[in-house]
Amino acid sequence: MSVKVLIPTTLQKFTNDQATIECTANNVAELLDSLEKSCPGIKGRLCDDEGKPRRFLNFYVNSEDIRFLEGTNTALQDGDEVSIVPAVAGG
C-alpha cells in the first residue's frame, strides 16, 4: 500500500530535496522505519531516543493529528497522505 509523505523543507536534505516521498507502511511506526530505509538519517530527526515522534513535530494522517488518533499505531490505508509539520512557536 502506497502512502504519500509530505516532507518539511528543513528535512528535505535527507530526501534529495524532494518535498514528497512515497512509502509503503501499515501504520505510522512502520512509515517511520520505511522513511529511514529510503532516506538514511531522517528518523533521528523525527524521533527521540525511544523511537517516539519528537515533541516539536506534528504528524497528520489525512489532516488528522495522530496524537488524537492512535499515535504511531495509527493505521494507514493505500492513498493516505501523511504530513510532517514542525511546530511553530513565538510571541
PDB file of N, CA and C in Angstrom:
ATOM      1  N   MET A   1       0.838  -1.167   0.000  1.00  0.00           N
ATOM      2  CA  MET A   1       0.000   0.000   0.000  1.00  0.00           C
ATOM      3  C   MET A   1       0.882   1.229   0.000  1.00  0.00           C
ATOM      4  N   SER A   2       0.577   2.159  -0.851  1.00  0.00           N
ATOM      5  CA  SER A   2       1.395   3.349  -1.035  1.00  0.00           C
ATOM      6  C   SER A   2       0.818   4.530  -0.260  1.00  0.00           C
ATOM      7  N   VAL A   3       1.696   5.205   0.471  1.00  0.00           N
ATOM      8  CA  VAL A   3       1.329   6.367   1.271  1.00  0.00           C
ATOM      9  C   VAL A   3       2.228   7.520   0.849  1.00  0.00           C
ATOM     10  N   LYS A   4       1.639   8.695   0.670  1.00  0.00           N
ATOM     11  CA  LYS A   4       2.414   9.876   0.300  1.00  0.00           C
ATOM     12  C   LYS A   4       2.783  10.630   1.568  1.00  0.00           C
ATOM     13  N   VAL A   5       4.077  10.957   1.710  1.00  0.00           N
ATOM     14  CA  VAL A   5       4.570  11.671   2.875  1.00  0.00           C
ATOM     15  C   VAL A   5       5.042  13.051   2.432  1.00  0.00           C
ATOM     16  N   LEU A   6       4.509  14.087   3.073  1.00  0.00           N
ATOM     17  CA  LEU A   6       4.919  15.462   2.788  1.00  0.00           C
ATOM     18  C   LEU A   6       6.045  15.828   3.747  1.00  0.00           C
ATOM     19  N   ILE A   7       7.198  16.142   3.190  1.00  0.00           N
ATOM     20  CA  ILE A   7       8.407  16.403   3.967  1.00  0.00           C
ATOM     21  C   ILE A   7       8.613  17.908   4.108  1.00  0.00           C
ATOM     22  N   PRO A   8       8.821  18.410   5.350  1.00  0.00           N
ATOM     23  CA  PRO A   8       9.071  19.840   5.504  1.00  0.00           C
ATOM     24  C   PRO A   8      10.427  20.224   4.896  1.00  0.00           C
ATOM     25  N   THR A   9      10.547  21.457   4.487  1.00  0.00           N
ATOM     26  CA  THR A   9      11.756  21.949   3.828  1.00  0.00           C
ATOM     27  C   THR A   9      13.009  21.668   4.647  1.00  0.00           C
ATOM     28  N   THR A  10      12.932  21.815   5.961  1.00  0.00           N
ATOM     29  CA  THR A  10      14.108  21.623   6.809  1.00  0.00           C
ATOM     30  C   THR A  10      14.640  20.188   6.793  1.00  0.00           C
ATOM     31  N   LEU A  11      13.828  19.233   6.381  1.00  0.00           N
ATOM     32  CA  LEU A  11      14.264  17.837   6.346  1.00  0.00           C
ATOM     33  C   LEU A  11      14.508  17.325   4.927  1.00  0.00           C
ATOM     34  N   GLN A  12      14.315  18.161   3.936  1.00  0.00           N
ATOM     35  CA  GLN A  12      14.465  17.715   2.558  1.00  0.00           C
ATOM     36  C   GLN A  12      15.908  17.414   2.171  1.00  0.00           C
ATOM     37  N   LYS A  13      16.865  17.807   3.002  1.00  0.00           N
ATOM     38  CA  LYS A  13      18.262  17.431   2.729  1.00  0.00           C
ATOM     39  C   LYS A  13      18.439  15.913   2.843  1.00  0.00           C
ATOM     40  N   PHE A  14      17.534  15.246   3.573  1.00  0.00           N
ATOM     41  CA  PHE A  14      17.586  13.787   3.697  1.00  0.00           C
ATOM     42  C   PHE A  14      16.877  13.086   2.541  1.00  0.00           C
ATOM     43  N   THR A  15      16.075  13.839   1.776  1.00  0.00           N
ATOM     44  CA  THR A  15      15.262  13.252   0.708  1.00  0.00           C
ATOM     45  C   THR A  15      15.714  13.701  -0.684  1.00  0.00           C
ATOM     46  N   ASN A  16      16.961  14.139  -0.781  1.00  0.00           N
ATOM     47  CA  ASN A  16      17.470  14.678  -2.055  1.00  0.00           C
ATOM     48  C   ASN A  16      16.588  15.812  -2.551  1.00  0.00           C
ATOM     49  N   ASP A  17      16.187  16.674  -1.642  1.00  0.00           N
ATOM     50  CA  ASP A  17      15.386  17.868  -1.927  1.00  0.00           C
ATOM     51  C   ASP A  17      13.987  17.559  -2.473  1.00  0.00           C
ATOM     52  N   GLN A  18      13.485  16.375  -2.192  1.00  0.00           N
ATOM     53  CA  GLN A  18      12.124  16.030  -2.603  1.00  0.00           C
ATOM     54  C   GLN A  18      11.138  16.449  -1.506  1.00  0.00           C
ATOM     55  N   ALA A  19      10.051  17.094  -1.891  1.00  0.00           N
ATOM     56  CA  ALA A  19       9.038  17.541  -0.935  1.00  0.00           C
ATOM     57  C   ALA A  19       8.054  16.432  -0.588  1.00  0.00           C
ATOM     58  N   THR A  20       7.953  15.417  -1.455  1.00  0.00           N
ATOM     59  CA  THR A  20       7.076  14.280  -1.175  1.00  0.00           C
ATOM     60  C   THR A  20       7.835  12.984  -1.424  1.00  0.00           C
ATOM     61  N   ILE A  21       7.510  12.001  -0.617  1.00  0.00           N
ATOM     62  CA  ILE A  21       8.108  10.667  -0.720  1.00  0.00           C
ATOM     63  C   ILE A  21       6.965   9.656  -0.690  1.00  0.00           C
ATOM     64  N   GLU A  22       7.053   8.637  -1.503  1.00  0.00           N
ATOM     65  CA  GLU A  22       6.084   7.536  -1.469  1.00  0.00           C
ATOM     66  C   GLU A  22       6.682   6.413  -0.617  1.00  0.00           C
ATOM     67  N   CYS A  23       5.909   5.915   0.329  1.00  0.00           N
ATOM     68  CA  CYS A  23       6.350   4.831   1.204  1.00  0.00           C
ATOM     69  C   CYS A  23       5.263   3.764   1.291  1.00  0.00           C
ATOM     70  N   THR A  24       5.681   2.603   1.751  1.00  0.00           N
ATOM     71  CA  THR A  24       4.757   1.506   1.997  1.00  0.00           C
ATOM     72  C   THR A  24       4.783   1.211   3.492  1.00  0.00           C
ATOM     73  N   ALA A  25       3.604   1.272   4.137  1.00  0.00           N
ATOM     74  CA  ALA A  25       3.521   1.018   5.577  1.00  0.00           C
ATOM     75  C   ALA A  25       2.074   0.772   5.972  1.00  0.00           C
ATOM     76  N   ASN A  26       1.905  -0.016   7.037  1.00  0.00           N
ATOM     77  CA  ASN A  26       0.574  -0.303   7.563  1.00  0.00           C
ATOM     78  C   ASN A  26       0.163   0.659   8.665  1.00  0.00           C
ATOM     79  N   ASN A  27       1.154   1.304   9.303  1.00  0.00           N
ATOM     80  CA  ASN A  27       0.870   2.288  10.346  1.00  0.00           C
ATOM     81  C   ASN A  27       2.007   3.307  10.385  1.00  0.00           C
ATOM     82  N   VAL A  28       1.867   4.322  11.234  1.00  0.00           N
ATOM     83  CA  VAL A  28       2.851   5.401  11.274  1.00  0.00           C
ATOM     84  C   VAL A  28       4.219   4.889  11.732  1.00  0.00           C
ATOM     85  N   ALA A  29       4.259   3.969  12.676  1.00  0.00           N
ATOM     86  CA  ALA A  29       5.542   3.425  13.138  1.00  0.00           C
ATOM     87  C   ALA A  29       6.285   2.754  11.984  1.00  0.00           C
ATOM     88  N   GLU A  30       5.590   1.965  11.179  1.00  0.00           N
ATOM     89  CA  GLU A  30       6.218   1.328  10.020  1.00  0.00           C
ATOM     90  C   GLU A  30       6.636   2.378   8.993  1.00  0.00           C
ATOM     91  N   LEU A  31       5.861   3.431   8.885  1.00  0.00           N
ATOM     92  CA  LEU A  31       6.196   4.511   7.962  1.00  0.00           C
ATOM     93  C   LEU A  31       7.527   5.157   8.344  1.00  0.00           C
ATOM     94  N   LEU A  32       7.735   5.371   9.632  1.00  0.00           N
ATOM     95  CA  LEU A  32       8.991   5.955  10.092  1.00  0.00           C
ATOM     96  C   LEU A  32      10.170   5.054   9.747  1.00  0.00           C
ATOM     97  N   ASP A  33       9.998   3.744   9.906  1.00  0.00           N
ATOM     98  CA  ASP A  33      11.055   2.800   9.541  1.00  0.00           C
ATOM     99  C   ASP A  33      11.293   2.796   8.033  1.00  0.00           C
ATOM    100  N   SER A  34      10.218   2.879   7.262  1.00  0.00           N
ATOM    101  CA  SER A  34      10.324   2.905   5.807  1.00  0.00           C
ATOM    102  C   SER A  34      11.043   4.168   5.338  1.00  0.00           C
ATOM    103  N   LEU A  35      10.734   5.295   5.970  1.00  0.00           N
ATOM    104  CA  LEU A  35      11.424   6.537   5.628  1.00  0.00           C
ATOM    105  C   LEU A  35      12.917   6.428   5.908  1.00  0.00           C
ATOM    106  N   GLU A  36      13.260   5.805   7.026  1.00  0.00           N
ATOM    107  CA  GLU A  36      14.678   5.659   7.378  1.00  0.00           C
ATOM    108  C   GLU A  36      15.419   4.807   6.352  1.00  0.00           C
ATOM    109  N   LYS A  37      14.754   3.772   5.844  1.00  0.00           N
ATOM    110  CA  LYS A  37      15.395   2.911   4.842  1.00  0.00           C
ATOM    111  C   LYS A  37      15.659   3.669   3.547  1.00  0.00           C
ATOM    112  N   SER A  38      14.703   4.503   3.133  1.00  0.00           N
ATOM    113  CA  SER A  38      14.875   5.215   1.862  1.00  0.00           C
ATOM    114  C   SER A  38      15.608   6.542   2.026  1.00  0.00           C
ATOM    115  N   CYS A  39      15.633   7.082   3.234  1.00  0.00           N
ATOM    116  CA  CYS A  39      16.279   8.376   3.500  1.00  0.00           C
ATOM    117  C   CYS A  39      17.096   8.256   4.791  1.00  0.00           C
ATOM    118  N   PRO A  40      18.247   7.584   4.746  1.00  0.00           N
ATOM    119  CA  PRO A  40      19.034   7.348   5.963  1.00  0.00           C
ATOM    120  C   PRO A  40      19.307   8.631   6.756  1.00  0.00           C
ATOM    121  N   GLY A  41      19.076   8.535   8.069  1.00  0.00           N
ATOM    122  CA  GLY A  41      19.321   9.651   8.969  1.00  0.00           C
ATOM    123  C   GLY A  41      18.087  10.449   9.323  1.00  0.00           C
ATOM    124  N   ILE A  42      17.021  10.302   8.558  1.00  0.00           N
ATOM    125  CA  ILE A  42      15.827  11.127   8.797  1.00  0.00           C
ATOM    126  C   ILE A  42      15.097  10.735  10.076  1.00  0.00           C
ATOM    127  N   LYS A  43      15.098   9.456  10.426  1.00  0.00           N
ATOM    128  CA  LYS A  43      14.360   9.024  11.617  1.00  0.00           C
ATOM    129  C   LYS A  43      14.931   9.655  12.880  1.00  0.00           C
ATOM    130  N   GLY A  44      16.227   9.863  12.927  1.00  0.00           N
ATOM    131  CA  GLY A  44      16.846  10.514  14.077  1.00  0.00           C
ATOM    132  C   GLY A  44      16.378  11.946  14.258  1.00  0.00           C
ATOM    133  N   ARG A  45      15.961  12.573  13.189  1.00  0.00           N
ATOM    134  CA  ARG A  45      15.415  13.930  13.252  1.00  0.00           C
ATOM    135  C   ARG A  45      13.932  13.929  13.591  1.00  0.00           C
ATOM    136  N   LEU A  46      13.258  12.826  13.285  1.00  0.00           N
ATOM    137  CA  LEU A  46      11.817  12.728  13.519  1.00  0.00           C
ATOM    138  C   LEU A  46      11.467  12.153  14.887  1.00  0.00           C
ATOM    139  N   CYS A  47      12.341  11.289  15.416  1.00  0.00           N
ATOM    140  CA  CYS A  47      12.032  10.546  16.643  1.00  0.00           C
ATOM    141  C   CYS A  47      13.102  10.758  17.706  1.00  0.00           C
ATOM    142  N   ASP A  48      12.688  10.618  18.977  1.00  0.00           N
ATOM    143  CA  ASP A  48      13.638  10.703  20.079  1.00  0.00           C
ATOM    144  C   ASP A  48      14.347   9.358  20.254  1.00  0.00           C
ATOM    145  N   ASP A  49      15.143   9.233  21.296  1.00  0.00           N
ATOM    146  CA  ASP A  49      15.910   8.004  21.534  1.00  0.00           C
ATOM    147  C   ASP A  49      15.029   6.789  21.799  1.00  0.00           C
ATOM    148  N   GLU A  50      13.781   7.010  22.206  1.00  0.00           N
ATOM    149  CA  GLU A  50      12.848   5.908  22.462  1.00  0.00           C
ATOM    150  C   GLU A  50      12.032   5.553  21.227  1.00  0.00           C
ATOM    151  N   GLY A  51      12.273   6.260  20.124  1.00  0.00           N
ATOM    152  CA  GLY A  51      11.549   5.986  18.891  1.00  0.00           C
ATOM    153  C   GLY A  51      10.199   6.675  18.783  1.00  0.00           C
ATOM    154  N   LYS A  52       9.916   7.587  19.721  1.00  0.00           N
ATOM    155  CA  LYS A  52       8.657   8.330  19.701  1.00  0.00           C
ATOM    156  C   LYS A  52       8.856   9.632  18.926  1.00  0.00           C
ATOM    157  N   PRO A  53       7.816  10.089  18.225  1.00  0.00           N
ATOM    158  CA  PRO A  53       7.943  11.353  17.496  1.00  0.00           C
ATOM    159  C   PRO A  53       8.378  12.484  18.426  1.00  0.00           C
ATOM    160  N   ARG A  54       9.271  13.315  17.926  1.00  0.00           N
ATOM    161  CA  ARG A  54       9.745  14.446  18.729  1.00  0.00           C
ATOM    162  C   ARG A  54       8.594  15.404  19.013  1.00  0.00           C
ATOM    163  N   ARG A  55       8.674  16.059  20.175  1.00  0.00           N
ATOM    164  CA  ARG A  55       7.590  16.939  20.626  1.00  0.00           C
ATOM    165  C   ARG A  55       7.345  18.113  19.693  1.00  0.00           C
ATOM    166  N   PHE A  56       8.375  18.599  19.032  1.00  0.00           N
ATOM    167  CA  PHE A  56       8.226  19.786  18.193  1.00  0.00           C
ATOM    168  C   PHE A  56       7.815  19.467  16.761  1.00  0.00           C
ATOM    169  N   LEU A  57       7.486  18.203  16.499  1.00  0.00           N
ATOM    170  CA  LEU A  57       6.980  17.807  15.186  1.00  0.00           C
ATOM    171  C   LEU A  57       5.566  17.279  15.328  1.00  0.00           C
ATOM    172  N   ASN A  58       4.719  17.655  14.397  1.00  0.00           N
ATOM    173  CA  ASN A  58       3.349  17.157  14.373  1.00  0.00           C
ATOM    174  C   ASN A  58       3.177  16.271  13.146  1.00  0.00           C
ATOM    175  N   PHE A  59       2.539  15.142  13.340  1.00  0.00           N
ATOM    176  CA  PHE A  59       2.272  14.198  12.253  1.00  0.00           C
ATOM    177  C   PHE A  59       0.767  14.147  12.020  1.00  0.00           C
ATOM    178  N   TYR A  60       0.382  14.313  10.766  1.00  0.00           N
ATOM    179  CA  TYR A  60      -1.033  14.292  10.400  1.00  0.00           C
ATOM    180  C   TYR A  60      -1.268  13.214   9.351  1.00  0.00           C
ATOM    181  N   VAL A  61      -2.316  12.436   9.536  1.00  0.00           N
ATOM    182  CA  VAL A  61      -2.750  11.463   8.539  1.00  0.00           C
ATOM    183  C   VAL A  61      -4.057  12.004   7.969  1.00  0.00           C
ATOM    184  N   ASN A  62      -4.021  12.378   6.701  1.00  0.00           N
ATOM    185  CA  ASN A  62      -5.196  12.970   6.059  1.00  0.00           C
ATOM    186  C   ASN A  62      -5.769  14.115   6.897  1.00  0.00           C
ATOM    187  N   SER A  63      -4.893  15.004   7.338  1.00  0.00           N
ATOM    188  CA  SER A  63      -5.243  16.206   8.111  1.00  0.00           C
ATOM    189  C   SER A  63      -5.674  15.933   9.551  1.00  0.00           C
ATOM    190  N   GLU A  64      -5.564  14.690  10.026  1.00  0.00           N
ATOM    191  CA  GLU A  64      -5.908  14.352  11.414  1.00  0.00           C
ATOM    192  C   GLU A  64      -4.616  14.147  12.207  1.00  0.00           C
ATOM    193  N   ASP A  65      -4.479  14.872  13.306  1.00  0.00           N
ATOM    194  CA  ASP A  65      -3.295  14.785  14.159  1.00  0.00           C
ATOM    195  C   ASP A  65      -3.237  13.393  14.799  1.00  0.00           C
ATOM    196  N   ILE A  66      -2.109  12.701  14.642  1.00  0.00           N
ATOM    197  CA  ILE A  66      -2.010  11.337  15.185  1.00  0.00           C
ATOM    198  C   ILE A  66      -2.090  11.314  16.702  1.00  0.00           C
ATOM    199  N   ARG A  67      -1.828  12.443  17.372  1.00  0.00           N
ATOM    200  CA  ARG A  67      -1.951  12.491  18.832  1.00  0.00           C
ATOM    201  C   ARG A  67      -3.394  12.266  19.268  1.00  0.00           C
ATOM    202  N   PHE A  68      -4.347  12.581  18.385  1.00  0.00           N
ATOM    203  CA  PHE A  68      -5.760  12.402  18.716  1.00  0.00           C
ATOM    204  C   PHE A  68      -6.325  11.136  18.084  1.00  0.00           C
ATOM    205  N   LEU A  69      -5.458  10.379  17.428  1.00  0.00           N
ATOM    206  CA  LEU A  69      -5.848   9.088  16.850  1.00  0.00           C
ATOM    207  C   LEU A  69      -5.207   8.011  17.708  1.00  0.00           C
ATOM    208  N   GLU A  70      -4.333   7.213  17.136  1.00  0.00           N
ATOM    209  CA  GLU A  70      -3.675   6.148  17.894  1.00  0.00           C
ATOM    210  C   GLU A  70      -2.167   6.316  17.922  1.00  0.00           C
ATOM    211  N   GLY A  71      -1.701   7.559  17.826  1.00  0.00           N
ATOM    212  CA  GLY A  71      -0.264   7.821  17.856  1.00  0.00           C
ATOM    213  C   GLY A  71       0.435   7.111  16.710  1.00  0.00           C
ATOM    214  N   THR A  72       1.587   6.527  16.990  1.00  0.00           N
ATOM    215  CA  THR A  72       2.333   5.838  15.935  1.00  0.00           C
ATOM    216  C   THR A  72       1.674   4.530  15.524  1.00  0.00           C
ATOM    217  N   ASN A  73       0.668   4.090  16.266  1.00  0.00           N
ATOM    218  CA  ASN A  73      -0.094   2.899  15.880  1.00  0.00           C
ATOM    219  C   ASN A  73      -1.245   3.232  14.932  1.00  0.00           C
ATOM    220  N   THR A  74      -1.380   4.498  14.566  1.00  0.00           N
ATOM    221  CA  THR A  74      -2.437   4.912  13.647  1.00  0.00           C
ATOM    222  C   THR A  74      -2.298   4.158  12.327  1.00  0.00           C
ATOM    223  N   ALA A  75      -3.358   3.474  11.942  1.00  0.00           N
ATOM    224  CA  ALA A  75      -3.347   2.672  10.716  1.00  0.00           C
ATOM    225  C   ALA A  75      -3.315   3.572   9.485  1.00  0.00           C
ATOM    226  N   LEU A  76      -2.656   3.075   8.455  1.00  0.00           N
ATOM    227  CA  LEU A  76      -2.578   3.767   7.171  1.00  0.00           C
ATOM    228  C   LEU A  76      -3.235   2.919   6.096  1.00  0.00           C
ATOM    229  N   GLN A  77      -3.875   3.593   5.166  1.00  0.00           N
ATOM    230  CA  GLN A  77      -4.527   2.932   4.036  1.00  0.00           C
ATOM    231  C   GLN A  77      -3.852   3.375   2.741  1.00  0.00           C
ATOM    232  N   ASP A  78      -4.018   2.600   1.704  1.00  0.00           N
ATOM    233  CA  ASP A  78      -3.488   2.947   0.399  1.00  0.00           C
ATOM    234  C   ASP A  78      -4.025   4.314  -0.011  1.00  0.00           C
ATOM    235  N   GLY A  79      -3.128   5.201  -0.409  1.00  0.00           N
ATOM    236  CA  GLY A  79      -3.522   6.531  -0.844  1.00  0.00           C
ATOM    237  C   GLY A  79      -3.557   7.584   0.244  1.00  0.00           C
ATOM    238  N   ASP A  80      -3.305   7.198   1.498  1.00  0.00           N
ATOM    239  CA  ASP A  80      -3.283   8.185   2.580  1.00  0.00           C
ATOM    240  C   ASP A  80      -2.154   9.189   2.365  1.00  0.00           C
ATOM    241  N   GLU A  81      -2.322  10.354   2.972  1.00  0.00           N
ATOM    242  CA  GLU A  81      -1.302  11.391   2.926  1.00  0.00           C
ATOM    243  C   GLU A  81      -0.877  11.705   4.351  1.00  0.00           C
ATOM    244  N   VAL A  82       0.419  11.614   4.603  1.00  0.00           N
ATOM    245  CA  VAL A  82       0.965  11.909   5.917  1.00  0.00           C
ATOM    246  C   VAL A  82       1.781  13.188   5.807  1.00  0.00           C
ATOM    247  N   SER A  83       1.438  14.162   6.641  1.00  0.00           N
ATOM    248  CA  SER A  83       2.160  15.424   6.666  1.00  0.00           C
ATOM    249  C   SER A  83       3.008  15.482   7.927  1.00  0.00           C
ATOM    250  N   ILE A  84       4.255  15.918   7.772  1.00  0.00           N
ATOM    251  CA  ILE A  84       5.139  16.152   8.897  1.00  0.00           C
ATOM    252  C   ILE A  84       5.283  17.672   8.991  1.00  0.00           C
ATOM    253  N   VAL A  85       4.823  18.232  10.122  1.00  0.00           N
ATOM    254  CA  VAL A  85       4.777  19.680  10.253  1.00  0.00           C
ATOM    255  C   VAL A  85       5.539  20.104  11.494  1.00  0.00           C
ATOM    256  N   PRO A  86       6.617  20.886  11.328  1.00  0.00           N
ATOM    257  CA  PRO A  86       7.330  21.400  12.505  1.00  0.00           C
ATOM    258  C   PRO A  86       6.424  22.365  13.284  1.00  0.00           C
ATOM    259  N   ALA A  87       6.487  22.264  14.601  1.00  0.00           N
ATOM    260  CA  ALA A  87       5.719  23.163  15.451  1.00  0.00           C
ATOM    261  C   ALA A  87       6.303  24.569  15.334  1.00  0.00           C
ATOM    262  N   VAL A  88       5.444  25.556  15.422  1.00  0.00           N
ATOM    263  CA  VAL A  88       5.873  26.949  15.337  1.00  0.00           C
ATOM    264  C   VAL A  88       5.583  27.598  16.686  1.00  0.00           C
ATOM    265  N   ALA A  89       6.578  28.273  17.224  1.00  0.00           N
ATOM    266  CA  ALA A  89       6.405  28.968  18.490  1.00  0.00           C
ATOM    267  C   ALA A  89       6.852  30.409  18.318  1.00  0.00           C
ATOM    268  N   GLY A  90       6.349  31.214  19.145  1.00  0.00           N
ATOM    269  CA  GLY A  90       6.744  32.619  19.078  1.00  0.00           C
ATOM    270  C   GLY A  90       5.843  33.448  19.965  1.00  0.00           C
ATOM    271  N   GLY A  91       6.106  34.690  19.949  1.00  0.00           N
ATOM    272  CA  GLY A  91       5.274  35.522  20.795  1.00  0.00           C
ATOM    273  C   GLY A  91       5.477  36.966  20.510  1.00  0.00           C
TER     274      GLY A  91
END
